[in-house]
C-alpha atoms as a PDB file:
ATOM      1  CA  UNK A   1       0.000   0.000   0.000  1.00  0.00           C
ATOM      2  CA  UNK A   2       1.412   3.391  -1.046  1.00  0.00           C
ATOM      3  CA  UNK A   3       1.658   5.561   2.030  1.00  0.00           C
ATOM      4  CA  UNK A   4       3.441   8.693   0.816  1.00  0.00           C
ATOM      5  CA  UNK A   5       4.259  10.075  -2.590  1.00  0.00           C
ATOM      6  CA  UNK A   6       6.753  12.854  -2.093  1.00  0.00           C
ATOM      7  CA  UNK A   7       8.195  14.511  -5.165  1.00  0.00           C
ATOM      8  CA  UNK A   8      11.422  12.552  -4.706  1.00  0.00           C
ATOM      9  CA  UNK A   9      10.358   9.453  -2.732  1.00  0.00           C
ATOM     10  CA  UNK A  10       7.677   6.769  -2.917  1.00  0.00           C
ATOM     11  CA  UNK A  11       7.037   5.258   0.488  1.00  0.00           C
ATOM     12  CA  UNK A  12       5.170   1.946   0.592  1.00  0.00           C
ATOM     13  CA  UNK A  13       4.199  -0.228   3.540  1.00  0.00           C
ATOM     14  CA  UNK A  14       4.217  -3.903   2.584  1.00  0.00           C
ATOM     15  CA  UNK A  15       2.244  -5.341   5.492  1.00  0.00           C
ATOM     16  CA  UNK A  16       2.371  -8.809   3.897  1.00  0.00           C
ATOM     17  CA  UNK A  17       6.176  -8.746   4.173  1.00  0.00           C
ATOM     18  CA  UNK A  18       6.434  -6.616   7.294  1.00  0.00           C
ATOM     19  CA  UNK A  19       8.489  -4.126   5.285  1.00  0.00           C
ATOM     20  CA  UNK A  20       8.800  -0.477   4.516  1.00  0.00           C
ATOM     21  CA  UNK A  21       9.886   0.233   0.944  1.00  0.00           C
ATOM     22  CA  UNK A  22      11.565   3.543   0.138  1.00  0.00           C
ATOM     23  CA  UNK A  23      12.014   4.123  -3.585  1.00  0.00           C
ATOM     24  CA  UNK A  24      13.914   7.307  -4.246  1.00  0.00           C
ATOM     25  CA  UNK A  25      12.826   8.604  -7.661  1.00  0.00           C
ATOM     26  CA  UNK A  26      15.524  11.194  -8.291  1.00  0.00           C
ATOM     27  CA  UNK A  27      18.598  12.720  -6.663  1.00  0.00           C
ATOM     28  CA  UNK A  28      17.575  14.433  -3.426  1.00  0.00           C
ATOM     29  CA  UNK A  29      18.891  17.490  -1.638  1.00  0.00           C
ATOM     30  CA  UNK A  30      20.245  17.077   1.874  1.00  0.00           C
ATOM     31  CA  UNK A  31      16.997  18.490   3.268  1.00  0.00           C
ATOM     32  CA  UNK A  32      14.884  16.117   1.153  1.00  0.00           C
ATOM     33  CA  UNK A  33      17.100  13.203   2.165  1.00  0.00           C
ATOM     34  CA  UNK A  34      16.587  13.824   5.858  1.00  0.00           C
ATOM     35  CA  UNK A  35      12.892  14.654   5.486  1.00  0.00           C
ATOM     36  CA  UNK A  36      12.296  11.427   3.569  1.00  0.00           C
ATOM     37  CA  UNK A  37      13.919   9.353   6.284  1.00  0.00           C
ATOM     38  CA  UNK A  38      11.970  11.187   9.006  1.00  0.00           C
ATOM     39  CA  UNK A  39       8.637  10.593   7.222  1.00  0.00           C
ATOM     40  CA  UNK A  40       9.553   6.909   6.909  1.00  0.00           C
ATOM     41  CA  UNK A  41      10.562   6.768  10.576  1.00  0.00           C
ATOM     42  CA  UNK A  42       7.174   8.131  11.663  1.00  0.00           C
ATOM     43  CA  UNK A  43       5.414   5.395   9.716  1.00  0.00           C
ATOM     44  CA  UNK A  44       7.781   2.691  10.950  1.00  0.00           C
ATOM     45  CA  UNK A  45       7.249   3.717  14.549  1.00  0.00           C
ATOM     46  CA  UNK A  46       3.456   3.840  14.181  1.00  0.00           C
ATOM     47  CA  UNK A  47       3.253   0.471  12.376  1.00  0.00           C
ATOM     48  CA  UNK A  48       6.224  -1.200  14.159  1.00  0.00           C
ATOM     49  CA  UNK A  49       8.109  -1.906  10.902  1.00  0.00           C
ATOM     50  CA  UNK A  50      11.737  -2.891  11.399  1.00  0.00           C
ATOM     51  CA  UNK A  51      12.564  -4.208   7.892  1.00  0.00           C
ATOM     52  CA  UNK A  52      13.389  -1.537   5.310  1.00  0.00           C
ATOM     53  CA  UNK A  53      14.233  -1.878   1.625  1.00  0.00           C
ATOM     54  CA  UNK A  54      15.801   1.381   0.454  1.00  0.00           C
ATOM     55  CA  UNK A  55      16.015   1.571  -3.335  1.00  0.00           C
ATOM     56  CA  UNK A  56      18.659   4.056  -4.477  1.00  0.00           C
ATOM     57  CA  UNK A  57      18.888   2.892  -8.090  1.00  0.00           C
ATOM     58  CA  UNK A  58      17.064   5.936  -9.532  1.00  0.00           C
ATOM     59  CA  UNK A  59      18.570   8.349  -7.065  1.00  0.00           C
ATOM     60  CA  UNK A  60      22.208   7.441  -6.766  1.00  0.00           C
ATOM     61  CA  UNK A  61      24.167   7.782  -3.542  1.00  0.00           C
ATOM     62  CA  UNK A  62      23.687  10.444  -0.913  1.00  0.00           C
ATOM     63  CA  UNK A  63      26.472  12.857  -0.129  1.00  0.00           C
ATOM     64  CA  UNK A  64      28.960  11.421   2.398  1.00  0.00           C
ATOM     65  CA  UNK A  65      27.705  13.781   5.142  1.00  0.00           C
ATOM     66  CA  UNK A  66      24.124  12.634   4.589  1.00  0.00           C
ATOM     67  CA  UNK A  67      25.190   8.987   4.701  1.00  0.00           C
ATOM     68  CA  UNK A  68      27.013   9.652   7.995  1.00  0.00           C
ATOM     69  CA  UNK A  69      23.818  11.254   9.304  1.00  0.00           C
ATOM     70  CA  UNK A  70      21.887   8.053   8.471  1.00  0.00           C
ATOM     71  CA  UNK A  71      24.512   5.812  10.031  1.00  0.00           C
ATOM     72  CA  UNK A  72      24.992   7.848  13.195  1.00  0.00           C
ATOM     73  CA  UNK A  73      21.885   9.926  13.928  1.00  0.00           C
ATOM     74  CA  UNK A  74      19.074   8.233  12.050  1.00  0.00           C
ATOM     75  CA  UNK A  75      19.950   4.673  13.079  1.00  0.00           C
ATOM     76  CA  UNK A  76      19.933   5.785  16.724  1.00  0.00           C
ATOM     77  CA  UNK A  77      16.477   7.318  16.198  1.00  0.00           C
ATOM     78  CA  UNK A  78      15.245   4.138  14.510  1.00  0.00           C
ATOM     79  CA  UNK A  79      16.559   1.969  17.346  1.00  0.00           C
ATOM     80  CA  UNK A  80      14.853   4.227  19.909  1.00  0.00           C
ATOM     81  CA  UNK A  81      11.579   4.182  17.945  1.00  0.00           C
ATOM     82  CA  UNK A  82      11.524   0.362  17.809  1.00  0.00           C
ATOM     83  CA  UNK A  83      12.872  -0.826  21.172  1.00  0.00           C
ATOM     84  CA  UNK A  84      13.417  -4.534  21.618  1.00  0.00           C
ATOM     85  CA  UNK A  85      13.862  -5.206  17.895  1.00  0.00           C
ATOM     86  CA  UNK A  86      16.850  -5.404  15.578  1.00  0.00           C
ATOM     87  CA  UNK A  87      15.977  -3.292  12.571  1.00  0.00           C
ATOM     88  CA  UNK A  88      17.394  -4.166   9.149  1.00  0.00           C
ATOM     89  CA  UNK A  89      18.144  -1.672   6.377  1.00  0.00           C
ATOM     90  CA  UNK A  90      18.759  -3.199   2.945  1.00  0.00           C
ATOM     91  CA  UNK A  91      20.165  -0.707   0.443  1.00  0.00           C
ATOM     92  CA  UNK A  92      19.452  -1.600  -3.179  1.00  0.00           C
ATOM     93  CA  UNK A  93      21.940   0.082  -5.522  1.00  0.00           C
ATOM     94  CA  UNK A  94      23.307  -0.218  -9.032  1.00  0.00           C
ATOM     95  CA  UNK A  95      26.464  -2.319  -9.431  1.00  0.00           C
ATOM     96  CA  UNK A  96      28.262   0.937 -10.278  1.00  0.00           C
ATOM     97  CA  UNK A  97      27.520   2.355  -6.792  1.00  0.00           C
ATOM     98  CA  UNK A  98      27.864  -0.850  -4.761  1.00  0.00           C
ATOM     99  CA  UNK A  99      31.618  -0.642  -4.179  1.00  0.00           C
ATOM    100  CA  UNK A 100      31.449   2.999  -3.074  1.00  0.00           C
ATOM    101  CA  UNK A 101      28.567   2.397  -0.680  1.00  0.00           C
ATOM    102  CA  UNK A 102      30.162  -0.752   0.746  1.00  0.00           C
ATOM    103  CA  UNK A 103      33.355   1.220   1.383  1.00  0.00           C
ATOM    104  CA  UNK A 104      31.437   3.997   3.163  1.00  0.00           C
ATOM    105  CA  UNK A 105      29.531   1.411   5.170  1.00  0.00           C
ATOM    106  CA  UNK A 106      32.733  -0.375   6.218  1.00  0.00           C
ATOM    107  CA  UNK A 107      34.254   2.931   7.348  1.00  0.00           C
ATOM    108  CA  UNK A 108      31.193   3.760   9.441  1.00  0.00           C
ATOM    109  CA  UNK A 109      30.896   0.276  10.932  1.00  0.00           C
ATOM    110  CA  UNK A 110      34.565   0.193  11.945  1.00  0.00           C
ATOM    111  CA  UNK A 111      33.739   2.474  14.873  1.00  0.00           C
ATOM    112  CA  UNK A 112      30.060   1.580  15.240  1.00  0.00           C
ATOM    113  CA  UNK A 113      28.637   1.491  18.743  1.00  0.00           C
ATOM    114  CA  UNK A 114      25.037   0.817  17.660  1.00  0.00           C
ATOM    115  CA  UNK A 115      24.435  -2.893  17.245  1.00  0.00           C
ATOM    116  CA  UNK A 116      20.637  -2.646  17.106  1.00  0.00           C
ATOM    117  CA  UNK A 117      20.312  -1.760  13.400  1.00  0.00           C
ATOM    118  CA  UNK A 118      21.849  -3.994  10.712  1.00  0.00           C
ATOM    119  CA  UNK A 119      22.746  -2.496   7.330  1.00  0.00           C
ATOM    120  CA  UNK A 120      23.695  -4.287   4.100  1.00  0.00           C
ATOM    121  CA  UNK A 121      24.150  -3.304   0.460  1.00  0.00           C
ATOM    122  CA  UNK A 122      22.619  -5.280  -2.421  1.00  0.00           C
ATOM    123  CA  UNK A 123      22.548  -5.037  -6.203  1.00  0.00           C
ATOM    124  CA  UNK A 124      19.677  -7.518  -6.635  1.00  0.00           C
ATOM    125  CA  UNK A 125      16.245  -7.075  -5.082  1.00  0.00           C
ATOM    126  CA  UNK A 126      15.637 -10.802  -4.552  1.00  0.00           C
ATOM    127  CA  UNK A 127      18.810 -11.165  -2.488  1.00  0.00           C
ATOM    128  CA  UNK A 128      17.857  -8.113  -0.437  1.00  0.00           C
ATOM    129  CA  UNK A 129      14.390  -9.563   0.190  1.00  0.00           C
ATOM    130  CA  UNK A 130      15.870 -12.877   1.308  1.00  0.00           C
ATOM    131  CA  UNK A 131      18.132 -11.116   3.803  1.00  0.00           C
ATOM    132  CA  UNK A 132      15.285  -8.965   5.124  1.00  0.00           C
ATOM    133  CA  UNK A 133      13.060 -12.008   5.618  1.00  0.00           C
ATOM    134  CA  UNK A 134      15.773 -14.269   7.072  1.00  0.00           C
ATOM    135  CA  UNK A 135      14.879 -13.594  10.705  1.00  0.00           C
ATOM    136  CA  UNK A 136      11.241 -12.675  10.334  1.00  0.00           C
END
């Protein structure tokens, strides 16, 4: 069910899968990036959704500062919004962007103190879905 159609983001709640699907439709400004995640967080908290598929294929990667914000600030907010769960964020990217995002993720996780939100990068939607559903 489509929940929000922002100019730059389609937000869908897949109740059958227990997932929130974020499909970015174009490159987003820093403000749009953060607003999109906050809108999604409100829905996730209300519906208790801890499995997210974040499709960046039409958008491309966020700026490094915005990615750091997700990894440091947003993940802490998500963990606080869904206590007692281990949220999973599956990033779906083009093969071209996978290496860059995996490198950024490795750098962030090297000093990570927040073990309540798992993050992985995928280039195929089926593989991402399998990972999201693995501990459902």
